Amino acid sequence: MITLAVDPGRCTGFALFSVSDLTWCCAEAPETALSYLKGSSAIDRIVIEIPQVYRLEHSKGDPGDLIELAFCAGMVVGRIRPTTLQKVLPREWKGQLPKRVTEHRARAVLTVSEMARVPKVPKGLAHNLWDAIALGLWSLGRLKLT
């Protein structure tokens, strides 16, 4: 079974798993990453973080950004058309954990060969990559965060 975990955004995090092993990941514009995936085996399952609306007084950013995140999620799912789609809210898989804690815990679970597949990305984009990896690990039962 091939699983694609997606953390949508302007620079989207993608993590591809074969059975439960991380085989490829990136943080790219969705169109770029989807072009990489064209030649890959059929993706059976997508697990994707769905944007969550918080009360405006607690919002960290522009609520309008959620529209772009939702568009990105729709584009990925529409392009790949998996057999199974698992939509997950942030609170369901990671609660209120800071991004650095999520990354640290995901790193601790990956094997040496999986870590070798994780590309270096600019610091400002690393959270997208690590959220996708952690989401995939969580969905496959390899990582417990909450």
N, C-alpha and C. Protein backbone atom coordinates (compact mmCIF):
# COMPACT_ATOMS: atom_id res chain seq x y z
N MET A 1 0.84 -1.18 0.00
CA MET A 1 0.00 0.00 0.00
C MET A 1 0.89 1.24 0.00
N ILE A 2 0.56 2.18 -0.86
CA ILE A 2 1.28 3.44 -0.97
C ILE A 2 0.42 4.54 -0.34
N THR A 3 1.00 5.26 0.63
CA THR A 3 0.31 6.34 1.33
C THR A 3 1.05 7.64 1.08
N LEU A 4 0.31 8.68 0.78
CA LEU A 4 0.87 10.02 0.64
C LEU A 4 0.30 10.88 1.75
N ALA A 5 1.18 11.43 2.60
CA ALA A 5 0.76 12.37 3.65
C ALA A 5 1.04 13.78 3.15
N VAL A 6 0.07 14.68 3.38
CA VAL A 6 0.16 16.04 2.83
C VAL A 6 -0.15 17.07 3.89
N ASP A 7 0.74 18.04 4.04
CA ASP A 7 0.50 19.23 4.86
C ASP A 7 0.38 20.39 3.88
N PRO A 8 -0.86 20.78 3.52
CA PRO A 8 -1.04 21.76 2.46
C PRO A 8 -0.61 23.17 2.85
N GLY A 9 -0.21 23.92 1.83
CA GLY A 9 0.16 25.31 2.00
C GLY A 9 0.79 25.85 0.74
N ARG A 10 1.25 27.10 0.79
CA ARG A 10 1.94 27.67 -0.39
C ARG A 10 3.14 26.80 -0.74
N CYS A 11 3.83 26.36 0.28
CA CYS A 11 4.90 25.38 0.11
C CYS A 11 4.41 24.15 0.87
N THR A 12 3.94 23.17 0.14
CA THR A 12 3.28 22.01 0.72
C THR A 12 4.28 20.94 1.10
N GLY A 13 4.04 20.31 2.25
CA GLY A 13 4.85 19.18 2.67
C GLY A 13 4.24 17.89 2.14
N PHE A 14 5.04 17.05 1.51
CA PHE A 14 4.61 15.76 0.99
C PHE A 14 5.51 14.68 1.57
N ALA A 15 4.94 13.56 1.98
CA ALA A 15 5.71 12.41 2.45
C ALA A 15 5.05 11.15 1.89
N LEU A 16 5.82 10.37 1.14
CA LEU A 16 5.31 9.16 0.49
C LEU A 16 5.84 7.94 1.25
N PHE A 17 4.93 7.04 1.57
CA PHE A 17 5.26 5.84 2.32
C PHE A 17 4.86 4.60 1.53
N SER A 18 5.74 3.62 1.48
CA SER A 18 5.43 2.31 0.91
C SER A 18 5.24 1.37 2.09
N VAL A 19 4.06 0.82 2.24
CA VAL A 19 3.63 0.09 3.43
C VAL A 19 3.76 1.08 4.58
N SER A 20 4.82 1.03 5.39
CA SER A 20 4.98 2.03 6.43
C SER A 20 6.34 2.72 6.38
N ASP A 21 7.11 2.48 5.33
CA ASP A 21 8.45 3.06 5.20
C ASP A 21 8.42 4.35 4.38
N LEU A 22 9.06 5.39 4.90
CA LEU A 22 9.19 6.65 4.17
C LEU A 22 10.10 6.42 2.96
N THR A 23 9.56 6.69 1.77
CA THR A 23 10.35 6.46 0.55
C THR A 23 10.75 7.76 -0.15
N TRP A 24 10.00 8.86 0.09
CA TRP A 24 10.27 10.13 -0.57
C TRP A 24 9.53 11.21 0.18
N CYS A 25 10.10 12.41 0.22
CA CYS A 25 9.41 13.55 0.82
C CYS A 25 9.98 14.84 0.25
N CYS A 26 9.19 15.90 0.35
CA CYS A 26 9.65 17.21 -0.11
C CYS A 26 8.75 18.29 0.47
N ALA A 27 9.22 19.51 0.37
CA ALA A 27 8.41 20.70 0.67
C ALA A 27 8.53 21.59 -0.55
N GLU A 28 7.49 21.64 -1.33
CA GLU A 28 7.51 22.34 -2.63
C GLU A 28 6.15 22.99 -2.89
N ALA A 29 6.11 23.79 -3.92
CA ALA A 29 4.82 24.25 -4.43
C ALA A 29 4.06 23.00 -4.85
N PRO A 30 2.76 22.93 -4.60
CA PRO A 30 2.01 21.71 -4.92
C PRO A 30 2.18 21.23 -6.36
N GLU A 31 2.19 22.16 -7.33
CA GLU A 31 2.32 21.77 -8.73
C GLU A 31 3.65 21.06 -8.98
N THR A 32 4.71 21.53 -8.36
CA THR A 32 6.04 20.93 -8.53
C THR A 32 6.07 19.53 -7.95
N ALA A 33 5.59 19.39 -6.72
CA ALA A 33 5.61 18.07 -6.08
C ALA A 33 4.73 17.09 -6.82
N LEU A 34 3.58 17.52 -7.29
CA LEU A 34 2.70 16.62 -8.02
C LEU A 34 3.34 16.15 -9.32
N SER A 35 4.18 16.98 -9.94
CA SER A 35 4.86 16.54 -11.16
C SER A 35 5.88 15.44 -10.83
N TYR A 36 6.51 15.48 -9.65
CA TYR A 36 7.41 14.42 -9.23
C TYR A 36 6.66 13.10 -9.06
N LEU A 37 5.43 13.19 -8.59
CA LEU A 37 4.66 11.99 -8.28
C LEU A 37 4.03 11.34 -9.50
N LYS A 38 4.02 12.00 -10.65
CA LYS A 38 3.40 11.44 -11.85
C LYS A 38 3.95 10.07 -12.21
N GLY A 39 5.25 9.87 -12.07
CA GLY A 39 5.85 8.61 -12.44
C GLY A 39 5.83 7.56 -11.34
N SER A 40 5.35 7.91 -10.16
CA SER A 40 5.38 6.96 -9.05
C SER A 40 4.25 5.94 -9.18
N SER A 41 4.36 4.90 -8.40
CA SER A 41 3.31 3.88 -8.38
C SER A 41 1.99 4.52 -7.98
N ALA A 42 0.92 3.84 -8.25
CA ALA A 42 -0.39 4.36 -7.88
C ALA A 42 -0.44 4.61 -6.38
N ILE A 43 -0.98 5.74 -5.99
CA ILE A 43 -1.12 6.07 -4.58
C ILE A 43 -2.48 5.56 -4.13
N ASP A 44 -2.45 4.66 -3.16
CA ASP A 44 -3.69 4.05 -2.67
C ASP A 44 -4.44 4.95 -1.70
N ARG A 45 -3.68 5.71 -0.94
CA ARG A 45 -4.29 6.43 0.18
C ARG A 45 -3.62 7.78 0.36
N ILE A 46 -4.42 8.79 0.61
CA ILE A 46 -3.90 10.11 0.98
C ILE A 46 -4.41 10.41 2.38
N VAL A 47 -3.51 10.85 3.23
CA VAL A 47 -3.88 11.40 4.53
C VAL A 47 -3.47 12.87 4.47
N ILE A 48 -4.43 13.75 4.69
CA ILE A 48 -4.19 15.18 4.46
C ILE A 48 -4.73 15.99 5.63
N GLU A 49 -3.93 16.96 6.05
CA GLU A 49 -4.38 17.85 7.11
C GLU A 49 -5.34 18.86 6.49
N ILE A 50 -6.51 18.96 7.11
CA ILE A 50 -7.53 19.88 6.63
C ILE A 50 -7.46 21.16 7.47
N PRO A 51 -7.47 22.31 6.83
CA PRO A 51 -7.40 23.57 7.58
C PRO A 51 -8.50 23.66 8.62
N GLN A 52 -8.15 24.23 9.75
CA GLN A 52 -9.08 24.36 10.86
C GLN A 52 -9.26 25.83 11.18
N VAL A 53 -10.51 26.25 11.33
CA VAL A 53 -10.82 27.64 11.66
C VAL A 53 -10.87 27.76 13.18
N TYR A 54 -10.09 28.69 13.71
CA TYR A 54 -10.11 29.00 15.13
C TYR A 54 -10.87 30.29 15.32
N ARG A 55 -11.29 30.58 16.51
CA ARG A 55 -11.93 31.86 16.77
C ARG A 55 -10.97 32.97 16.39
N LEU A 56 -11.47 34.00 15.77
CA LEU A 56 -10.62 35.05 15.21
C LEU A 56 -9.70 35.69 16.25
N GLU A 57 -10.15 35.84 17.48
CA GLU A 57 -9.27 36.50 18.46
C GLU A 57 -8.08 35.62 18.85
N HIS A 58 -8.14 34.34 18.51
CA HIS A 58 -7.02 33.44 18.79
C HIS A 58 -6.22 33.11 17.53
N SER A 59 -6.62 33.68 16.41
CA SER A 59 -5.97 33.37 15.14
C SER A 59 -4.55 33.93 15.10
N LYS A 60 -3.63 33.12 14.55
CA LYS A 60 -2.23 33.54 14.43
C LYS A 60 -2.00 34.30 13.12
N GLY A 61 -2.86 34.12 12.14
CA GLY A 61 -2.61 34.73 10.84
C GLY A 61 -3.89 35.18 10.19
N ASP A 62 -3.80 35.40 8.91
CA ASP A 62 -4.92 35.87 8.12
C ASP A 62 -5.89 34.71 7.88
N PRO A 63 -7.15 34.83 8.34
CA PRO A 63 -8.11 33.75 8.10
C PRO A 63 -8.31 33.45 6.63
N GLY A 64 -8.04 34.41 5.76
CA GLY A 64 -8.16 34.19 4.32
C GLY A 64 -7.14 33.18 3.79
N ASP A 65 -6.05 32.97 4.54
CA ASP A 65 -5.06 31.97 4.13
C ASP A 65 -5.65 30.56 4.12
N LEU A 66 -6.69 30.34 4.92
CA LEU A 66 -7.33 29.02 4.95
C LEU A 66 -7.93 28.66 3.61
N ILE A 67 -8.38 29.66 2.87
CA ILE A 67 -8.95 29.39 1.55
C ILE A 67 -7.87 28.82 0.63
N GLU A 68 -6.68 29.40 0.69
CA GLU A 68 -5.59 28.88 -0.14
C GLU A 68 -5.20 27.47 0.28
N LEU A 69 -5.17 27.21 1.59
CA LEU A 69 -4.85 25.86 2.07
C LEU A 69 -5.89 24.86 1.58
N ALA A 70 -7.16 25.23 1.66
CA ALA A 70 -8.23 24.34 1.20
C ALA A 70 -8.12 24.10 -0.30
N PHE A 71 -7.79 25.13 -1.06
CA PHE A 71 -7.61 24.98 -2.50
C PHE A 71 -6.49 23.99 -2.79
N CYS A 72 -5.38 24.14 -2.09
CA CYS A 72 -4.24 23.24 -2.28
C CYS A 72 -4.64 21.80 -1.98
N ALA A 73 -5.34 21.59 -0.87
CA ALA A 73 -5.78 20.23 -0.50
C ALA A 73 -6.67 19.65 -1.60
N GLY A 74 -7.60 20.46 -2.11
CA GLY A 74 -8.48 19.99 -3.18
C GLY A 74 -7.72 19.66 -4.45
N MET A 75 -6.72 20.46 -4.78
CA MET A 75 -5.93 20.22 -5.98
C MET A 75 -5.17 18.89 -5.88
N VAL A 76 -4.57 18.63 -4.72
CA VAL A 76 -3.81 17.39 -4.54
C VAL A 76 -4.73 16.18 -4.65
N VAL A 77 -5.83 16.21 -3.93
CA VAL A 77 -6.76 15.07 -3.94
C VAL A 77 -7.36 14.88 -5.32
N GLY A 78 -7.74 15.98 -5.97
CA GLY A 78 -8.33 15.89 -7.30
C GLY A 78 -7.38 15.36 -8.35
N ARG A 79 -6.11 15.69 -8.23
CA ARG A 79 -5.12 15.25 -9.20
C ARG A 79 -4.77 13.77 -9.02
N ILE A 80 -4.68 13.31 -7.77
CA ILE A 80 -4.24 11.94 -7.52
C ILE A 80 -5.40 10.94 -7.48
N ARG A 81 -6.52 11.34 -6.94
CA ARG A 81 -7.71 10.49 -6.85
C ARG A 81 -7.42 9.14 -6.20
N PRO A 82 -7.07 9.16 -4.92
CA PRO A 82 -6.73 7.91 -4.22
C PRO A 82 -7.95 7.05 -3.97
N THR A 83 -7.71 5.77 -3.70
CA THR A 83 -8.79 4.87 -3.31
C THR A 83 -9.36 5.29 -1.97
N THR A 84 -8.47 5.68 -1.04
CA THR A 84 -8.87 6.07 0.30
C THR A 84 -8.36 7.48 0.60
N LEU A 85 -9.21 8.28 1.21
CA LEU A 85 -8.85 9.63 1.62
C LEU A 85 -9.13 9.77 3.11
N GLN A 86 -8.11 10.13 3.87
CA GLN A 86 -8.27 10.37 5.30
C GLN A 86 -8.01 11.85 5.55
N LYS A 87 -9.06 12.58 5.92
CA LYS A 87 -8.94 14.01 6.23
C LYS A 87 -8.79 14.15 7.74
N VAL A 88 -7.79 14.91 8.16
CA VAL A 88 -7.48 15.01 9.58
C VAL A 88 -7.34 16.48 9.98
N LEU A 89 -7.98 16.86 11.08
CA LEU A 89 -7.78 18.19 11.63
C LEU A 89 -6.50 18.19 12.45
N PRO A 90 -5.82 19.33 12.54
CA PRO A 90 -4.58 19.38 13.32
C PRO A 90 -4.77 18.86 14.75
N ARG A 91 -5.86 19.23 15.40
CA ARG A 91 -6.06 18.81 16.80
C ARG A 91 -6.22 17.29 16.94
N GLU A 92 -6.64 16.61 15.84
CA GLU A 92 -6.84 15.16 15.90
C GLU A 92 -5.52 14.39 15.92
N TRP A 93 -4.51 14.90 15.26
CA TRP A 93 -3.28 14.13 15.16
C TRP A 93 -2.12 14.68 15.98
N LYS A 94 -2.10 16.00 16.21
CA LYS A 94 -0.97 16.56 16.97
C LYS A 94 -1.38 17.48 18.10
N GLY A 95 -2.67 17.71 18.26
CA GLY A 95 -3.11 18.59 19.34
C GLY A 95 -2.50 19.97 19.20
N GLN A 96 -1.97 20.49 20.30
CA GLN A 96 -1.37 21.82 20.32
C GLN A 96 0.16 21.77 20.38
N LEU A 97 0.75 20.64 20.00
CA LEU A 97 2.21 20.51 20.06
C LEU A 97 2.89 21.55 19.19
N PRO A 98 3.94 22.17 19.70
CA PRO A 98 4.73 23.08 18.85
C PRO A 98 5.38 22.30 17.70
N LYS A 99 5.59 22.97 16.60
CA LYS A 99 6.16 22.31 15.42
C LYS A 99 7.52 21.67 15.70
N ARG A 100 8.34 22.31 16.52
CA ARG A 100 9.67 21.75 16.81
C ARG A 100 9.57 20.43 17.58
N VAL A 101 8.54 20.29 18.42
CA VAL A 101 8.34 19.04 19.17
C VAL A 101 7.86 17.94 18.22
N THR A 102 6.95 18.30 17.32
CA THR A 102 6.47 17.34 16.32
C THR A 102 7.64 16.83 15.48
N GLU A 103 8.49 17.75 15.03
CA GLU A 103 9.66 17.35 14.23
C GLU A 103 10.59 16.45 15.03
N HIS A 104 10.89 16.81 16.27
CA HIS A 104 11.80 16.02 17.11
C HIS A 104 11.28 14.59 17.28
N ARG A 105 9.99 14.46 17.53
CA ARG A 105 9.41 13.12 17.73
C ARG A 105 9.40 12.31 16.43
N ALA A 106 9.16 12.97 15.32
CA ALA A 106 9.19 12.26 14.03
C ALA A 106 10.61 11.79 13.72
N ARG A 107 11.60 12.64 13.96
CA ARG A 107 12.99 12.26 13.73
C ARG A 107 13.37 11.03 14.55
N ALA A 108 12.86 10.96 15.77
CA ALA A 108 13.20 9.85 16.67
C ALA A 108 12.64 8.51 16.18
N VAL A 109 11.61 8.56 15.36
CA VAL A 109 10.95 7.34 14.87
C VAL A 109 11.56 6.84 13.55
N LEU A 110 12.09 7.75 12.75
CA LEU A 110 12.62 7.37 11.44
C LEU A 110 13.88 6.51 11.56
N THR A 111 14.01 5.56 10.65
CA THR A 111 15.22 4.75 10.58
C THR A 111 16.34 5.57 9.94
N VAL A 112 17.55 5.07 10.00
CA VAL A 112 18.69 5.74 9.38
C VAL A 112 18.47 5.88 7.87
N SER A 113 17.99 4.83 7.23
CA SER A 113 17.77 4.91 5.78
C SER A 113 16.64 5.89 5.43
N GLU A 114 15.62 5.97 6.27
CA GLU A 114 14.56 6.95 6.03
C GLU A 114 15.09 8.37 6.21
N MET A 115 15.89 8.59 7.25
CA MET A 115 16.46 9.93 7.47
C MET A 115 17.31 10.37 6.27
N ALA A 116 17.96 9.44 5.63
CA ALA A 116 18.79 9.75 4.46
C ALA A 116 17.93 10.26 3.29
N ARG A 117 16.64 9.95 3.30
CA ARG A 117 15.73 10.38 2.22
C ARG A 117 15.13 11.77 2.47
N VAL A 118 15.36 12.32 3.66
CA VAL A 118 14.78 13.63 4.00
C VAL A 118 15.70 14.72 3.48
N PRO A 119 15.22 15.53 2.54
CA PRO A 119 16.09 16.58 1.97
C PRO A 119 16.27 17.75 2.93
N LYS A 120 17.34 18.45 2.74
CA LYS A 120 17.53 19.70 3.48
C LYS A 120 16.68 20.76 2.77
N VAL A 121 15.90 21.47 3.56
CA VAL A 121 15.06 22.53 3.00
C VAL A 121 15.31 23.80 3.80
N PRO A 122 15.03 24.95 3.22
CA PRO A 122 15.21 26.20 3.96
C PRO A 122 14.43 26.17 5.28
N LYS A 123 15.00 26.80 6.29
CA LYS A 123 14.42 26.76 7.64
C LYS A 123 12.94 27.13 7.65
N GLY A 124 12.55 28.11 6.91
CA GLY A 124 11.16 28.56 6.90
C GLY A 124 10.19 27.56 6.29
N LEU A 125 10.70 26.55 5.59
CA LEU A 125 9.85 25.56 4.94
C LEU A 125 9.91 24.20 5.64
N ALA A 126 10.85 24.05 6.55
CA ALA A 126 11.06 22.75 7.19
C ALA A 126 9.83 22.26 7.94
N HIS A 127 9.06 23.17 8.53
CA HIS A 127 7.89 22.73 9.29
C HIS A 127 6.86 22.04 8.40
N ASN A 128 6.73 22.46 7.15
CA ASN A 128 5.80 21.81 6.23
C ASN A 128 6.23 20.37 5.95
N LEU A 129 7.52 20.21 5.70
CA LEU A 129 8.08 18.89 5.43
C LEU A 129 7.90 17.97 6.64
N TRP A 130 8.28 18.46 7.82
CA TRP A 130 8.21 17.61 9.02
C TRP A 130 6.78 17.33 9.46
N ASP A 131 5.85 18.27 9.23
CA ASP A 131 4.45 17.98 9.54
C ASP A 131 3.92 16.88 8.62
N ALA A 132 4.30 16.89 7.34
CA ALA A 132 3.86 15.83 6.43
C ALA A 132 4.43 14.48 6.86
N ILE A 133 5.71 14.45 7.21
CA ILE A 133 6.32 13.20 7.65
C ILE A 133 5.65 12.71 8.93
N ALA A 134 5.48 13.59 9.89
CA ALA A 134 4.86 13.20 11.17
C ALA A 134 3.42 12.76 10.97
N LEU A 135 2.68 13.44 10.11
CA LEU A 135 1.30 13.05 9.82
C LEU A 135 1.25 11.65 9.23
N GLY A 136 2.15 11.37 8.30
CA GLY A 136 2.21 10.03 7.71
C GLY A 136 2.55 8.97 8.74
N LEU A 137 3.56 9.24 9.56
CA LEU A 137 3.95 8.30 10.61
C LEU A 137 2.80 8.06 11.58
N TRP A 138 2.12 9.14 11.95
CA TRP A 138 0.97 9.03 12.85
C TRP A 138 -0.13 8.18 12.23
N SER A 139 -0.45 8.43 10.96
CA SER A 139 -1.54 7.71 10.30
C SER A 139 -1.24 6.23 10.13
N LEU A 140 0.05 5.90 10.08
CA LEU A 140 0.47 4.49 9.91
C LEU A 140 0.72 3.80 11.26
N GLY A 141 0.45 4.52 12.35
CA GLY A 141 0.59 3.93 13.67
C GLY A 141 2.01 3.88 14.21
N ARG A 142 2.93 4.59 13.56
CA ARG A 142 4.32 4.57 14.01
C ARG A 142 4.64 5.70 14.99
N LEU A 143 3.75 6.66 15.13
CA LEU A 143 4.02 7.84 15.96
C LEU A 143 2.76 8.23 16.72
N LYS A 144 2.91 8.42 18.02
CA LYS A 144 1.81 8.91 18.85
C LYS A 144 2.19 10.29 19.36
N LEU A 145 1.35 11.28 19.10
CA LEU A 145 1.67 12.65 19.48
C LEU A 145 0.76 13.24 20.54
N THR A 146 -0.45 12.75 20.68
CA THR A 146 -1.38 13.34 21.66
C THR A 146 -1.60 12.42 22.81
